[in-house]
Protein backbone atom coordinates (compact mmCIF):
# COMPACT_ATOMS: atom_id res chain seq x y z
CA MET A 1 0.00 0.00 0.00
CA ARG A 2 2.78 2.45 0.96
CA LYS A 3 4.56 1.61 -2.26
CA HIS A 4 1.58 2.99 -4.22
CA LEU A 5 0.99 5.98 -1.95
CA LEU A 6 4.21 7.86 -2.80
CA PRO A 7 3.65 7.91 -6.60
CA LEU A 8 0.05 9.01 -6.00
CA LEU A 9 1.17 11.86 -3.74
CA MET A 10 3.81 12.93 -6.27
CA LEU A 11 1.21 12.94 -9.05
CA MET A 12 -1.13 15.07 -6.94
CA LEU A 13 1.68 17.51 -6.13
CA PHE A 14 2.70 17.99 -9.77
CA THR A 15 -0.91 18.23 -10.94
CA SER A 16 -1.62 20.92 -8.32
CA ALA A 17 1.51 22.85 -9.27
CA ALA A 18 0.64 22.68 -12.98
CA TRP A 19 -2.93 23.83 -12.31
CA ALA A 20 -1.76 26.77 -10.19
CA GLN A 21 0.80 27.75 -12.79
CA SER A 22 -1.73 27.60 -15.63
CA LEU A 23 -3.89 30.16 -13.80
CA SER A 24 -1.15 32.77 -13.73
CA PRO A 25 -2.10 36.07 -15.40
CA ILE A 26 1.43 36.46 -16.77
CA GLY A 27 1.18 36.60 -20.55
CA THR A 28 -0.54 38.51 -23.35
CA TRP A 29 -4.21 39.50 -23.18
CA THR A 30 -6.83 41.35 -25.19
CA ASN A 31 -9.80 43.31 -23.92
CA GLU A 32 -13.48 42.69 -24.73
CA GLU A 33 -13.50 45.13 -27.63
CA GLY A 34 -10.27 43.76 -29.11
CA LYS A 35 -8.90 47.31 -29.35
CA ALA A 36 -5.57 46.48 -27.69
CA LYS A 37 -3.24 43.75 -26.49
CA PHE A 38 -1.59 43.91 -23.08
CA GLU A 39 1.30 42.06 -21.51
CA ILE A 40 1.10 41.18 -17.82
CA TYR A 41 4.59 40.59 -16.43
CA LYS A 42 6.52 40.37 -13.19
CA CYS A 43 8.07 43.63 -12.01
CA GLY A 44 10.00 42.94 -8.84
CA GLU A 45 7.76 40.98 -6.46
CA LYS A 46 4.56 42.33 -8.03
CA LEU A 47 2.80 42.22 -11.40
CA CYS A 48 2.57 45.05 -13.92
CA GLY A 49 1.00 45.47 -17.33
CA LYS A 50 1.89 47.37 -20.50
CA ILE A 51 0.22 48.02 -23.84
CA VAL A 52 1.93 45.95 -26.55
CA SER A 53 -0.30 46.69 -29.55
CA LEU A 54 -3.33 48.71 -30.61
CA LYS A 55 -5.90 47.87 -33.27
CA GLU A 56 -5.53 51.46 -34.46
CA PRO A 57 -1.99 52.48 -33.45
CA LEU A 58 -1.84 55.68 -35.50
CA ARG A 59 -3.55 59.07 -35.31
CA ASN A 60 -2.98 61.36 -38.29
CA GLY A 61 -0.21 59.04 -39.49
CA LYS A 62 1.73 59.16 -36.21
CA PRO A 63 1.80 56.79 -33.20
CA LYS A 64 -0.93 57.52 -30.66
CA LEU A 65 0.38 59.36 -27.62
CA ASP A 66 -0.67 59.55 -23.98
CA ASP A 67 -2.47 62.86 -24.72
CA ASN A 68 -4.72 62.83 -21.64
CA ASN A 69 -2.05 62.18 -19.02
CA PRO A 70 -2.49 64.60 -16.10
CA ASP A 71 1.31 65.04 -16.09
CA LYS A 72 1.95 67.25 -19.14
CA LYS A 73 5.55 65.98 -19.39
CA LEU A 74 4.26 62.45 -20.12
CA ARG A 75 1.84 63.41 -22.91
CA SER A 76 4.51 62.92 -25.59
CA LYS A 77 4.98 59.22 -24.69
CA PRO A 78 3.55 56.66 -27.14
CA LEU A 79 0.73 54.42 -25.90
CA ILE A 80 2.44 51.30 -27.21
CA GLY A 81 4.90 50.28 -24.51
CA LEU A 82 3.10 52.31 -21.84
CA ARG A 83 3.01 50.67 -18.42
CA PHE A 84 -0.59 51.23 -17.38
CA MET A 85 -0.98 48.62 -14.63
CA GLU A 86 1.22 48.15 -11.58
CA GLY A 87 1.49 47.01 -7.99
CA PHE A 88 -0.54 43.78 -8.13
CA GLU A 89 0.09 41.26 -5.36
CA TYR A 90 -1.25 37.72 -5.15
CA ASP A 91 -4.15 37.63 -2.69
CA GLY A 92 -5.09 33.93 -2.91
CA ASP A 93 -7.97 32.28 -4.79
CA ASN A 94 -6.46 33.23 -8.19
CA LYS A 95 -6.77 36.95 -7.41
CA TRP A 96 -4.15 39.72 -7.66
CA ASP A 97 -5.08 42.83 -5.70
CA ASP A 98 -3.79 46.21 -4.49
CA GLY A 99 -2.88 47.29 -8.01
CA THR A 100 -3.71 50.34 -10.08
CA ILE A 101 -4.84 50.71 -13.68
CA TYR A 102 -4.40 53.86 -15.75
CA ASP A 103 -6.98 54.69 -18.42
CA PRO A 104 -5.21 56.61 -21.20
CA GLU A 105 -8.55 57.64 -22.74
CA SER A 106 -9.52 59.63 -19.62
CA GLY A 107 -6.11 60.18 -18.01
CA LYS A 108 -7.43 58.74 -14.74
CA THR A 109 -5.92 56.06 -12.50
CA TYR A 110 -8.07 53.61 -10.55
CA SER A 111 -7.57 50.96 -7.90
CA CYS A 112 -7.74 47.56 -9.57
CA TYR A 113 -7.74 43.81 -9.10
CA MET A 114 -7.31 40.91 -11.52
CA LYS A 115 -8.96 37.54 -10.99
CA MET A 116 -8.41 34.48 -13.14
CA THR A 117 -11.78 32.94 -14.03
CA GLY A 118 -10.28 30.22 -16.22
CA LYS A 119 -7.01 29.29 -17.86
CA ASP A 120 -7.44 31.92 -20.59
CA LYS A 121 -10.04 34.24 -19.03
CA MET A 122 -9.50 37.03 -16.53
CA GLU A 123 -11.75 39.52 -14.78
CA VAL A 124 -10.19 42.98 -14.46
CA LYS A 125 -11.98 45.52 -12.28
CA GLY A 126 -11.08 49.18 -11.88
CA TYR A 127 -12.73 51.13 -9.09
CA ILE A 128 -12.59 54.17 -6.84
CA GLY A 129 -12.78 53.52 -3.11
CA ILE A 130 -14.48 50.14 -2.69
CA SER A 131 -14.47 47.39 -5.29
CA LEU A 132 -18.26 46.96 -5.18
CA ILE A 133 -18.58 49.99 -7.44
CA GLY A 134 -16.48 50.17 -10.56
CA ARG A 135 -16.07 48.85 -14.09
CA THR A 136 -15.36 45.22 -14.87
CA GLN A 137 -13.88 43.88 -18.09
CA TYR A 138 -13.22 40.30 -19.10
CA TRP A 139 -9.94 39.77 -20.90
CA THR A 140 -8.94 36.80 -23.04
CA ARG A 141 -5.43 35.38 -23.25
CA VAL A 142 -3.87 35.49 -26.71
CA GLU A 143 -0.92 33.53 -28.08
């Protein structure tokens, strides 16, 4: 009996580790509208996100810029490559919390959390104050 128990425990351990790893938000994602692709990556001990492509990357023949940034010095930065999410820490139950998300269309920054709802699906919620009130999007992982 003991002889069969060790392989079973090892199988359970590796299966659990693979499942947990497959629910990591690290990777490339697209939003509901398909207007952009984002990369979620590790930055220090936390997770961050940057814009890696836009469906319409140009305005008047030039790369779109961060025109609405409240810091006038940053308005000349291109949107592609812009780090717009930062500070996310794992909170358990496939959720990363305590982060912020910057909306380049409005120039506003919101508190945010990310929650994996499946291997290739993620709920992203930006909010002010408490997370009960805010805007939720569902992102899809892309290859």
